[in-house]
């Protein structure tokens, strides 16, 4: 950096990796979002899945009937150590422009910073919705089910 006192982000290897692996990544956000941290903890397995939540439509390329699948990788002691597990997740071919890091946060990306911000806001809404449903006793695997209502 040219400005005194600034240093290169410890996330740089992860940003570079995402830029190399994902052609849709021109802007990347790394967030320590509490809802993402909590969802990554309560969601078992290595993939977060949901369907039929309104804000899935805020993720570029996804609609109401699409299943949003987000890889979850295990956290490491430092950002640079996350690069290995992040690379593994990026090579699995997930469509979603994001990766959850268990008990840490997430990376999300898009072709513009504005779209990346929309992704971040939509993901926060989705994760908060999932957490609220869990509090209400809604089965999390039920997020993939449709409901028929007589009206």
C-alpha atoms as a PDB file:
ATOM      1  CA  UNK A   1       0.000   0.000   0.000  1.00  0.00           C
ATOM      2  CA  UNK A   2       1.116   3.519  -0.793  1.00  0.00           C
ATOM      3  CA  UNK A   3      -0.531   5.067   2.256  1.00  0.00           C
ATOM      4  CA  UNK A   4       1.483   4.973   5.466  1.00  0.00           C
ATOM      5  CA  UNK A   5      -0.012   2.764   8.149  1.00  0.00           C
ATOM      6  CA  UNK A   6      -2.037   0.573   5.776  1.00  0.00           C
ATOM      7  CA  UNK A   7      -1.218  -3.069   5.276  1.00  0.00           C
ATOM      8  CA  UNK A   8      -2.393  -5.715   2.878  1.00  0.00           C
ATOM      9  CA  UNK A   9      -5.418  -7.639   4.149  1.00  0.00           C
ATOM     10  CA  UNK A  10      -4.774 -11.085   5.595  1.00  0.00           C
ATOM     11  CA  UNK A  11      -7.692 -12.140   3.371  1.00  0.00           C
ATOM     12  CA  UNK A  12      -5.723 -11.369   0.190  1.00  0.00           C
ATOM     13  CA  UNK A  13      -4.948 -15.043  -0.615  1.00  0.00           C
ATOM     14  CA  UNK A  14      -8.654 -15.853  -0.319  1.00  0.00           C
ATOM     15  CA  UNK A  15      -9.702 -12.927  -2.516  1.00  0.00           C
ATOM     16  CA  UNK A  16      -7.126 -13.926  -5.134  1.00  0.00           C
ATOM     17  CA  UNK A  17      -8.299 -17.525  -5.035  1.00  0.00           C
ATOM     18  CA  UNK A  18     -11.949 -16.559  -5.560  1.00  0.00           C
ATOM     19  CA  UNK A  19     -10.978 -14.250  -8.440  1.00  0.00           C
ATOM     20  CA  UNK A  20      -9.061 -17.114 -10.085  1.00  0.00           C
ATOM     21  CA  UNK A  21     -11.697 -19.815  -9.540  1.00  0.00           C
ATOM     22  CA  UNK A  22     -14.924 -17.881 -10.180  1.00  0.00           C
ATOM     23  CA  UNK A  23     -15.366 -15.977 -13.432  1.00  0.00           C
ATOM     24  CA  UNK A  24     -18.377 -14.175 -11.914  1.00  0.00           C
ATOM     25  CA  UNK A  25     -16.223 -12.552  -9.205  1.00  0.00           C
ATOM     26  CA  UNK A  26     -15.253  -8.954  -9.890  1.00  0.00           C
ATOM     27  CA  UNK A  27     -16.226  -7.766  -6.400  1.00  0.00           C
ATOM     28  CA  UNK A  28     -15.802  -9.865  -3.254  1.00  0.00           C
ATOM     29  CA  UNK A  29     -17.079  -9.184   0.252  1.00  0.00           C
ATOM     30  CA  UNK A  30     -15.836 -10.960   3.361  1.00  0.00           C
ATOM     31  CA  UNK A  31     -18.298 -10.616   6.228  1.00  0.00           C
ATOM     32  CA  UNK A  32     -18.259 -11.636   9.878  1.00  0.00           C
ATOM     33  CA  UNK A  33     -22.022 -11.712   9.905  1.00  0.00           C
ATOM     34  CA  UNK A  34     -23.539 -13.129  13.113  1.00  0.00           C
ATOM     35  CA  UNK A  35     -26.469 -14.756  11.306  1.00  0.00           C
ATOM     36  CA  UNK A  36     -24.038 -16.553   8.986  1.00  0.00           C
ATOM     37  CA  UNK A  37     -21.966 -17.681  11.983  1.00  0.00           C
ATOM     38  CA  UNK A  38     -25.034 -19.051  13.769  1.00  0.00           C
ATOM     39  CA  UNK A  39     -26.470 -20.796  10.697  1.00  0.00           C
ATOM     40  CA  UNK A  40     -23.124 -22.417   9.969  1.00  0.00           C
ATOM     41  CA  UNK A  41     -23.121 -23.780  13.504  1.00  0.00           C
ATOM     42  CA  UNK A  42     -26.669 -25.194  13.601  1.00  0.00           C
ATOM     43  CA  UNK A  43     -26.614 -26.542  10.042  1.00  0.00           C
ATOM     44  CA  UNK A  44     -25.103 -30.011  10.038  1.00  0.00           C
ATOM     45  CA  UNK A  45     -22.994 -31.204   7.149  1.00  0.00           C
ATOM     46  CA  UNK A  46     -20.966 -29.351   4.576  1.00  0.00           C
ATOM     47  CA  UNK A  47     -23.792 -27.751   2.563  1.00  0.00           C
ATOM     48  CA  UNK A  48     -26.445 -25.234   3.590  1.00  0.00           C
ATOM     49  CA  UNK A  49     -29.602 -25.823   1.556  1.00  0.00           C
ATOM     50  CA  UNK A  50     -32.887 -23.969   1.384  1.00  0.00           C
ATOM     51  CA  UNK A  51     -35.712 -23.341  -1.020  1.00  0.00           C
ATOM     52  CA  UNK A  52     -38.850 -21.220  -1.159  1.00  0.00           C
ATOM     53  CA  UNK A  53     -37.579 -18.247   0.814  1.00  0.00           C
ATOM     54  CA  UNK A  54     -38.314 -14.910  -0.827  1.00  0.00           C
ATOM     55  CA  UNK A  55     -34.833 -13.419  -0.702  1.00  0.00           C
ATOM     56  CA  UNK A  56     -33.251 -16.320  -2.599  1.00  0.00           C
ATOM     57  CA  UNK A  57     -34.295 -14.187  -5.570  1.00  0.00           C
ATOM     58  CA  UNK A  58     -31.728 -11.618  -4.409  1.00  0.00           C
ATOM     59  CA  UNK A  59     -28.936 -14.037  -5.308  1.00  0.00           C
ATOM     60  CA  UNK A  60     -28.070 -13.575  -8.990  1.00  0.00           C
ATOM     61  CA  UNK A  61     -29.206 -16.547 -11.047  1.00  0.00           C
ATOM     62  CA  UNK A  62     -31.653 -17.874  -8.434  1.00  0.00           C
ATOM     63  CA  UNK A  63     -35.431 -17.785  -8.298  1.00  0.00           C
ATOM     64  CA  UNK A  64     -38.228 -18.873  -5.979  1.00  0.00           C
ATOM     65  CA  UNK A  65     -38.187 -22.510  -7.096  1.00  0.00           C
ATOM     66  CA  UNK A  66     -34.402 -22.865  -7.086  1.00  0.00           C
ATOM     67  CA  UNK A  67     -32.601 -24.603  -4.278  1.00  0.00           C
ATOM     68  CA  UNK A  68     -29.856 -22.440  -2.825  1.00  0.00           C
ATOM     69  CA  UNK A  69     -26.877 -24.607  -1.916  1.00  0.00           C
ATOM     70  CA  UNK A  70     -23.937 -22.990  -0.153  1.00  0.00           C
ATOM     71  CA  UNK A  71     -20.785 -24.893   0.807  1.00  0.00           C
ATOM     72  CA  UNK A  72     -19.743 -24.710   4.459  1.00  0.00           C
ATOM     73  CA  UNK A  73     -16.046 -25.013   5.210  1.00  0.00           C
ATOM     74  CA  UNK A  74     -14.398 -25.376   8.572  1.00  0.00           C
ATOM     75  CA  UNK A  75     -12.689 -22.338  10.066  1.00  0.00           C
ATOM     76  CA  UNK A  76      -8.954 -22.160  10.578  1.00  0.00           C
ATOM     77  CA  UNK A  77      -6.754 -20.137  12.931  1.00  0.00           C
ATOM     78  CA  UNK A  78      -5.912 -17.522  10.289  1.00  0.00           C
ATOM     79  CA  UNK A  79      -7.372 -16.182   7.051  1.00  0.00           C
ATOM     80  CA  UNK A  80      -4.435 -17.489   5.038  1.00  0.00           C
ATOM     81  CA  UNK A  81      -5.067 -21.014   6.346  1.00  0.00           C
ATOM     82  CA  UNK A  82      -8.651 -20.846   5.094  1.00  0.00           C
ATOM     83  CA  UNK A  83      -7.410 -20.740   1.477  1.00  0.00           C
ATOM     84  CA  UNK A  84      -7.000 -24.531   1.301  1.00  0.00           C
ATOM     85  CA  UNK A  85     -10.517 -25.402   2.414  1.00  0.00           C
ATOM     86  CA  UNK A  86     -11.918 -22.501   0.418  1.00  0.00           C
ATOM     87  CA  UNK A  87     -10.251 -23.823  -2.726  1.00  0.00           C
ATOM     88  CA  UNK A  88     -11.763 -27.259  -2.117  1.00  0.00           C
ATOM     89  CA  UNK A  89     -15.242 -25.713  -1.834  1.00  0.00           C
ATOM     90  CA  UNK A  90     -14.785 -23.621  -4.973  1.00  0.00           C
ATOM     91  CA  UNK A  91     -13.846 -26.668  -7.055  1.00  0.00           C
ATOM     92  CA  UNK A  92     -17.066 -28.523  -6.171  1.00  0.00           C
ATOM     93  CA  UNK A  93     -19.117 -26.592  -8.722  1.00  0.00           C
ATOM     94  CA  UNK A  94     -21.664 -24.879  -6.491  1.00  0.00           C
ATOM     95  CA  UNK A  95     -23.740 -22.297  -8.371  1.00  0.00           C
ATOM     96  CA  UNK A  96     -24.150 -19.984  -5.361  1.00  0.00           C
ATOM     97  CA  UNK A  97     -21.732 -17.037  -5.285  1.00  0.00           C
ATOM     98  CA  UNK A  98     -20.778 -17.562  -1.653  1.00  0.00           C
ATOM     99  CA  UNK A  99     -19.060 -19.816   0.852  1.00  0.00           C
ATOM    100  CA  UNK A 100     -19.887 -20.059   4.556  1.00  0.00           C
ATOM    101  CA  UNK A 101     -17.032 -20.459   7.020  1.00  0.00           C
ATOM    102  CA  UNK A 102     -18.231 -22.247  10.131  1.00  0.00           C
ATOM    103  CA  UNK A 103     -18.207 -20.046  13.249  1.00  0.00           C
ATOM    104  CA  UNK A 104     -16.531 -17.258  11.263  1.00  0.00           C
ATOM    105  CA  UNK A 105     -18.633 -15.662   8.512  1.00  0.00           C
ATOM    106  CA  UNK A 106     -18.741 -15.821   4.738  1.00  0.00           C
ATOM    107  CA  UNK A 107     -17.359 -14.732   1.411  1.00  0.00           C
ATOM    108  CA  UNK A 108     -19.761 -13.595  -1.301  1.00  0.00           C
ATOM    109  CA  UNK A 109     -19.054 -12.151  -4.727  1.00  0.00           C
ATOM    110  CA  UNK A 110     -20.599 -10.801  -7.909  1.00  0.00           C
ATOM    111  CA  UNK A 111     -19.680  -8.962 -11.063  1.00  0.00           C
ATOM    112  CA  UNK A 112     -20.253  -5.562  -9.376  1.00  0.00           C
ATOM    113  CA  UNK A 113     -19.893  -4.311  -5.814  1.00  0.00           C
ATOM    114  CA  UNK A 114     -23.585  -3.364  -5.829  1.00  0.00           C
ATOM    115  CA  UNK A 115     -24.643  -6.920  -6.700  1.00  0.00           C
ATOM    116  CA  UNK A 116     -22.228  -8.325  -4.096  1.00  0.00           C
ATOM    117  CA  UNK A 117     -23.867  -6.031  -1.519  1.00  0.00           C
ATOM    118  CA  UNK A 118     -27.316  -7.293  -2.587  1.00  0.00           C
ATOM    119  CA  UNK A 119     -26.044 -10.851  -2.147  1.00  0.00           C
ATOM    120  CA  UNK A 120     -24.773 -10.023   1.349  1.00  0.00           C
ATOM    121  CA  UNK A 121     -28.079  -8.416   2.359  1.00  0.00           C
ATOM    122  CA  UNK A 122     -30.135 -11.261   0.873  1.00  0.00           C
ATOM    123  CA  UNK A 123     -28.004 -13.897   2.580  1.00  0.00           C
ATOM    124  CA  UNK A 124     -28.345 -12.133   5.914  1.00  0.00           C
ATOM    125  CA  UNK A 125     -32.149 -12.121   5.476  1.00  0.00           C
ATOM    126  CA  UNK A 126     -32.157 -15.819   4.526  1.00  0.00           C
ATOM    127  CA  UNK A 127     -29.974 -16.778   7.484  1.00  0.00           C
ATOM    128  CA  UNK A 128     -32.018 -14.682   9.916  1.00  0.00           C
ATOM    129  CA  UNK A 129     -35.198 -16.259   8.566  1.00  0.00           C
ATOM    130  CA  UNK A 130     -33.786 -19.743   9.071  1.00  0.00           C
ATOM    131  CA  UNK A 131     -32.760 -18.886  12.640  1.00  0.00           C
ATOM    132  CA  UNK A 132     -36.210 -17.499  13.439  1.00  0.00           C
ATOM    133  CA  UNK A 133     -37.903 -20.591  11.968  1.00  0.00           C
ATOM    134  CA  UNK A 134     -35.656 -22.779  14.110  1.00  0.00           C
ATOM    135  CA  UNK A 135     -36.795 -20.830  17.215  1.00  0.00           C
ATOM    136  CA  UNK A 136     -40.418 -21.405  16.174  1.00  0.00           C
ATOM    137  CA  UNK A 137     -39.811 -25.146  15.920  1.00  0.00           C
ATOM    138  CA  UNK A 138     -39.949 -25.334  12.133  1.00  0.00           C
ATOM    139  CA  UNK A 139     -37.897 -28.300  10.986  1.00  0.00           C
ATOM    140  CA  UNK A 140     -34.955 -26.968   9.005  1.00  0.00           C
ATOM    141  CA  UNK A 141     -35.204 -29.744   6.454  1.00  0.00           C
ATOM    142  CA  UNK A 142     -38.765 -28.532   5.946  1.00  0.00           C
ATOM    143  CA  UNK A 143     -37.394 -25.469   4.165  1.00  0.00           C
ATOM    144  CA  UNK A 144     -37.223 -27.583   1.041  1.00  0.00           C
ATOM    145  CA  UNK A 145     -40.901 -28.557   1.189  1.00  0.00           C
ATOM    146  CA  UNK A 146     -43.818 -26.792  -0.418  1.00  0.00           C
ATOM    147  CA  UNK A 147     -47.091 -26.157   1.368  1.00  0.00           C
ATOM    148  CA  UNK A 148     -50.569 -26.401  -0.093  1.00  0.00           C
ATOM    149  CA  UNK A 149     -53.074 -24.014   1.402  1.00  0.00           C
ATOM    150  CA  UNK A 150     -56.793 -24.021   0.779  1.00  0.00           C
ATOM    151  CA  UNK A 151     -57.928 -20.468   0.597  1.00  0.00           C
END
